[in-house]
């Protein structure tokens, strides 16, 4: 076997392992969110919604209910029910957007903020264990690669995976 063929096979095997580990990460993250949500008596996507609202708040870009629906890939009606549940639980509030009074934005309440920090805190415990013996440079490099990968899959798959319907008229 030539050196090039061996390297190509090794690269292919590593790529397959990366995809497998990515799937494990996605499923583990989904299970973690679902378990925390269930422990708090929340419905299916409520935990995902709360984390999405919390992240947007931290980024200084509060979401509208429509943006939440789009981000969760649910209908506007389903997002409305989700928002109502989170408001009733005291985790978020609806406010008028100060930049556009016609638009509502979702803001995290103090109890929702605590939940977000508790979620991140539990993940930090796991990360600190995994990265305890890694250098700051290794952690920085992993973080940059993970960020680049996240951006890549976020940018490339919502158009590729949704083929245009054929017009049979």
Protein backbone atom coordinates (compact mmCIF):
# COMPACT_ATOMS: atom_id res chain seq x y z
CA UNK A 1 0.00 0.00 0.00
CA UNK A 2 1.39 3.38 -0.92
CA UNK A 3 2.00 6.06 1.68
CA UNK A 4 -0.68 8.30 0.10
CA UNK A 5 -3.32 5.54 0.25
CA UNK A 6 -2.45 4.79 3.89
CA UNK A 7 -2.72 8.49 4.80
CA UNK A 8 -6.04 8.81 2.94
CA UNK A 9 -7.46 5.77 4.77
CA UNK A 10 -6.25 7.12 8.09
CA UNK A 11 -7.82 10.52 7.34
CA UNK A 12 -11.07 8.83 6.33
CA UNK A 13 -11.13 6.78 9.54
CA UNK A 14 -10.45 9.88 11.63
CA UNK A 15 -13.23 11.76 9.82
CA UNK A 16 -15.65 8.93 10.54
CA UNK A 17 -14.63 8.97 14.20
CA UNK A 18 -15.16 12.74 14.35
CA UNK A 19 -18.66 12.39 12.89
CA UNK A 20 -19.44 9.63 15.39
CA UNK A 21 -18.19 11.77 18.31
CA UNK A 22 -20.16 14.75 17.00
CA UNK A 23 -23.34 12.66 17.04
CA UNK A 24 -22.56 11.52 20.58
CA UNK A 25 -22.07 15.15 21.61
CA UNK A 26 -25.38 16.24 20.06
CA UNK A 27 -27.31 13.38 21.66
CA UNK A 28 -25.63 13.92 25.03
CA UNK A 29 -26.38 17.65 24.96
CA UNK A 30 -30.00 16.99 23.98
CA UNK A 31 -30.34 14.45 26.80
CA UNK A 32 -28.81 16.85 29.30
CA UNK A 33 -31.23 19.63 28.33
CA UNK A 34 -34.18 17.20 28.34
CA UNK A 35 -33.26 15.83 31.78
CA UNK A 36 -32.82 19.28 33.32
CA UNK A 37 -36.08 20.43 31.71
CA UNK A 38 -37.96 17.36 32.98
CA UNK A 39 -36.55 17.85 36.49
CA UNK A 40 -37.99 21.37 36.42
CA UNK A 41 -41.37 20.22 35.06
CA UNK A 42 -40.86 21.86 31.68
CA UNK A 43 -42.23 20.55 28.40
CA UNK A 44 -40.23 19.22 25.41
CA UNK A 45 -38.59 22.26 23.82
CA UNK A 46 -38.97 24.57 26.82
CA UNK A 47 -35.40 23.97 28.02
CA UNK A 48 -34.01 24.54 24.53
CA UNK A 49 -36.04 27.73 24.27
CA UNK A 50 -34.93 28.99 27.66
CA UNK A 51 -31.26 28.38 26.82
CA UNK A 52 -31.67 30.06 23.43
CA UNK A 53 -33.27 33.12 25.07
CA UNK A 54 -30.57 33.16 27.75
CA UNK A 55 -27.70 32.96 25.20
CA UNK A 56 -29.26 35.74 23.13
CA UNK A 57 -29.63 37.90 26.21
CA UNK A 58 -25.96 37.38 27.10
CA UNK A 59 -25.00 38.31 23.52
CA UNK A 60 -27.01 41.53 23.86
CA UNK A 61 -29.41 40.51 21.08
CA UNK A 62 -32.73 39.56 22.69
CA UNK A 63 -34.95 37.36 20.53
CA UNK A 64 -38.46 38.03 19.34
CA UNK A 65 -40.97 35.17 19.63
CA UNK A 66 -40.71 34.69 15.84
CA UNK A 67 -36.92 34.41 16.01
CA UNK A 68 -37.29 31.87 18.80
CA UNK A 69 -39.69 29.84 16.63
CA UNK A 70 -37.23 29.94 13.74
CA UNK A 71 -34.31 28.97 15.97
CA UNK A 72 -36.17 26.01 17.46
CA UNK A 73 -37.70 24.99 14.11
CA UNK A 74 -41.22 25.12 15.50
CA UNK A 75 -44.35 26.96 14.40
CA UNK A 76 -45.10 30.46 15.63
CA UNK A 77 -48.11 29.03 17.50
CA UNK A 78 -45.94 26.44 19.27
CA UNK A 79 -43.43 29.17 20.15
CA UNK A 80 -46.25 31.29 21.55
CA UNK A 81 -47.33 28.45 23.86
CA UNK A 82 -43.71 27.84 24.85
CA UNK A 83 -43.21 31.53 25.65
CA UNK A 84 -46.46 31.59 27.66
CA UNK A 85 -45.29 28.59 29.72
CA UNK A 86 -41.87 30.16 30.41
CA UNK A 87 -43.50 33.49 31.33
CA UNK A 88 -45.94 31.70 33.67
CA UNK A 89 -43.04 29.83 35.30
CA UNK A 90 -41.31 33.18 35.86
CA UNK A 91 -38.25 32.34 33.74
CA UNK A 92 -38.71 35.02 31.07
CA UNK A 93 -40.72 38.14 30.30
CA UNK A 94 -42.03 39.75 27.13
CA UNK A 95 -41.00 43.36 26.69
CA UNK A 96 -41.38 45.99 24.03
CA UNK A 97 -38.25 46.31 21.93
CA UNK A 98 -36.77 49.73 22.77
CA UNK A 99 -35.55 50.07 19.17
CA UNK A 100 -38.86 49.11 17.54
CA UNK A 101 -41.96 49.57 19.69
CA UNK A 102 -43.98 47.31 17.35
CA UNK A 103 -41.78 44.34 18.21
CA UNK A 104 -41.75 42.24 21.37
CA UNK A 105 -38.52 40.77 22.71
CA UNK A 106 -38.01 37.97 25.19
CA UNK A 107 -35.94 38.82 28.24
CA UNK A 108 -34.57 36.42 30.78
CA UNK A 109 -35.88 36.82 34.33
CA UNK A 110 -33.71 36.34 37.41
CA UNK A 111 -34.87 32.74 37.93
CA UNK A 112 -34.24 31.96 34.24
CA UNK A 113 -30.78 33.47 34.52
CA UNK A 114 -30.03 31.22 37.51
CA UNK A 115 -31.16 28.17 35.50
CA UNK A 116 -28.87 29.16 32.64
CA UNK A 117 -25.93 29.55 34.99
CA UNK A 118 -26.76 26.23 36.70
CA UNK A 119 -26.80 24.49 33.32
CA UNK A 120 -23.48 26.03 32.31
CA UNK A 121 -22.07 25.25 35.75
CA UNK A 122 -22.82 21.55 35.37
CA UNK A 123 -21.20 21.51 31.92
CA UNK A 124 -18.17 23.40 33.30
CA UNK A 125 -17.63 20.67 35.89
CA UNK A 126 -17.47 18.09 33.09
CA UNK A 127 -15.20 20.28 30.95
CA UNK A 128 -12.85 20.99 33.83
CA UNK A 129 -12.42 17.26 34.33
CA UNK A 130 -11.74 16.58 30.65
CA UNK A 131 -9.36 19.51 30.21
CA UNK A 132 -7.62 19.37 33.60
CA UNK A 133 -4.36 18.09 32.12
CA UNK A 134 -4.50 20.14 28.92
CA UNK A 135 -2.53 23.31 28.32
CA UNK A 136 -4.23 26.64 27.79
CA UNK A 137 -2.98 26.51 24.18
CA UNK A 138 -4.67 23.12 23.64
CA UNK A 139 -7.93 24.39 25.12
CA UNK A 140 -7.73 27.54 22.99
CA UNK A 141 -7.08 25.50 19.85
CA UNK A 142 -9.95 23.10 20.63
CA UNK A 143 -12.28 26.03 21.30
CA UNK A 144 -11.33 27.71 18.01
CA UNK A 145 -11.84 24.48 16.06
CA UNK A 146 -15.18 23.80 17.75
CA UNK A 147 -16.31 27.36 17.01
CA UNK A 148 -15.22 27.09 13.38
CA UNK A 149 -16.99 23.74 13.02
CA UNK A 150 -20.17 25.08 14.64
CA UNK A 151 -20.18 28.07 12.28
CA UNK A 152 -19.54 25.79 9.30
CA UNK A 153 -22.42 23.41 10.02
CA UNK A 154 -24.70 26.30 10.90
CA UNK A 155 -23.98 28.07 7.62
CA UNK A 156 -23.93 25.13 5.25
CA UNK A 157 -26.72 22.75 6.08
CA UNK A 158 -29.98 24.65 6.18
CA UNK A 159 -29.86 25.18 2.43
CA UNK A 160 -28.20 21.92 1.36
CA UNK A 161 -30.44 19.62 3.41
CA UNK A 162 -33.67 21.18 2.20
CA UNK A 163 -34.03 20.37 -1.49
CA UNK A 164 -36.34 22.61 -3.44
CA UNK A 165 -39.64 20.93 -4.28
CA UNK A 166 -40.15 20.12 -7.93
CA UNK A 167 -42.91 21.97 -9.71
CA UNK A 168 -44.93 19.28 -11.47
CA UNK A 169 -47.50 21.58 -13.01
